[in-house]
Amino acid sequence: MAEIFAASKKLLYGMVRTGPLKDRDTEVAKARARSALRFTKTDAPPKARLLP
């Protein structure tokens, strides 16, 4: 058990964040912009769904 604990501890404490922290408000704004683009209504007819 001690070896497993030591290995787990080494792996967990070895995790280092290399990138900058993300701003929650900025990420929410980006997600809303992507959603608006994805779900905007267009004048094009819907694509036909192929049945198996």
C-alpha atoms as a PDB file:
ATOM      1  CA  MET A   1       0.000   0.000   0.000  1.00  0.00           C
ATOM      2  CA  ALA A   2       2.796   2.399   0.820  1.00  0.00           C
ATOM      3  CA  GLU A   3       4.272   2.031  -2.675  1.00  0.00           C
ATOM      4  CA  ILE A   4       0.906   2.773  -4.300  1.00  0.00           C
ATOM      5  CA  PHE A   5       0.435   5.811  -2.062  1.00  0.00           C
ATOM      6  CA  ALA A   6       3.934   7.083  -2.864  1.00  0.00           C
ATOM      7  CA  ALA A   7       3.425   6.637  -6.612  1.00  0.00           C
ATOM      8  CA  SER A   8       0.031   8.359  -6.498  1.00  0.00           C
ATOM      9  CA  LYS A   9       1.410  11.218  -4.435  1.00  0.00           C
ATOM     10  CA  LYS A  10       4.317  11.677  -6.848  1.00  0.00           C
ATOM     11  CA  LEU A  11       1.967  11.786  -9.858  1.00  0.00           C
ATOM     12  CA  LEU A  12      -0.503  14.187  -8.234  1.00  0.00           C
ATOM     13  CA  TYR A  13       2.118  16.606  -6.933  1.00  0.00           C
ATOM     14  CA  GLY A  14       3.929  16.431 -10.273  1.00  0.00           C
ATOM     15  CA  MET A  15       0.984  17.957 -12.103  1.00  0.00           C
ATOM     16  CA  VAL A  16       1.923  21.491 -13.068  1.00  0.00           C
ATOM     17  CA  ARG A  17      -0.203  23.960 -14.943  1.00  0.00           C
ATOM     18  CA  THR A  18       1.772  25.390 -17.847  1.00  0.00           C
ATOM     19  CA  GLY A  19      -0.794  27.688 -19.423  1.00  0.00           C
ATOM     20  CA  PRO A  20      -2.397  30.859 -18.169  1.00  0.00           C
ATOM     21  CA  LEU A  21      -5.563  30.695 -16.110  1.00  0.00           C
ATOM     22  CA  LYS A  22      -8.805  31.230 -18.015  1.00  0.00           C
ATOM     23  CA  ASP A  23     -11.188  34.050 -17.230  1.00  0.00           C
ATOM     24  CA  ARG A  24     -14.669  32.648 -16.597  1.00  0.00           C
ATOM     25  CA  ASP A  25     -16.494  35.661 -18.052  1.00  0.00           C
ATOM     26  CA  THR A  26     -14.427  35.548 -21.245  1.00  0.00           C
ATOM     27  CA  GLU A  27     -15.038  31.816 -21.683  1.00  0.00           C
ATOM     28  CA  VAL A  28     -18.800  32.286 -21.167  1.00  0.00           C
ATOM     29  CA  ALA A  29     -18.864  35.025 -23.800  1.00  0.00           C
ATOM     30  CA  LYS A  30     -16.992  32.794 -26.272  1.00  0.00           C
ATOM     31  CA  ALA A  31     -19.380  29.899 -25.634  1.00  0.00           C
ATOM     32  CA  ARG A  32     -22.416  32.128 -26.162  1.00  0.00           C
ATOM     33  CA  ALA A  33     -20.967  33.441 -29.429  1.00  0.00           C
ATOM     34  CA  ARG A  34     -20.346  29.873 -30.673  1.00  0.00           C
ATOM     35  CA  SER A  35     -23.859  28.882 -29.660  1.00  0.00           C
ATOM     36  CA  ALA A  36     -25.379  31.867 -31.452  1.00  0.00           C
ATOM     37  CA  LEU A  37     -23.559  30.921 -34.650  1.00  0.00           C
ATOM     38  CA  ARG A  38     -24.535  27.283 -34.324  1.00  0.00           C
ATOM     39  CA  PHE A  39     -28.217  27.801 -33.629  1.00  0.00           C
ATOM     40  CA  THR A  40     -29.124  30.818 -35.757  1.00  0.00           C
ATOM     41  CA  LYS A  41     -32.060  30.374 -38.078  1.00  0.00           C
ATOM     42  CA  THR A  42     -31.359  30.426 -41.793  1.00  0.00           C
ATOM     43  CA  ASP A  43     -33.579  30.628 -44.832  1.00  0.00           C
ATOM     44  CA  ALA A  44     -32.194  27.353 -46.141  1.00  0.00           C
ATOM     45  CA  PRO A  45     -34.527  24.340 -45.970  1.00  0.00           C
ATOM     46  CA  PRO A  46     -33.595  21.666 -43.417  1.00  0.00           C
ATOM     47  CA  LYS A  47     -31.421  18.830 -44.635  1.00  0.00           C
ATOM     48  CA  ALA A  48     -33.228  15.585 -45.392  1.00  0.00           C
ATOM     49  CA  ARG A  49     -32.585  12.905 -42.815  1.00  0.00           C
ATOM     50  CA  LEU A  50     -31.462   9.624 -44.258  1.00  0.00           C
ATOM     51  CA  LEU A  51     -33.234   6.639 -42.777  1.00  0.00           C
ATOM     52  CA  PRO A  52     -31.343   3.368 -42.280  1.00  0.00           C
END
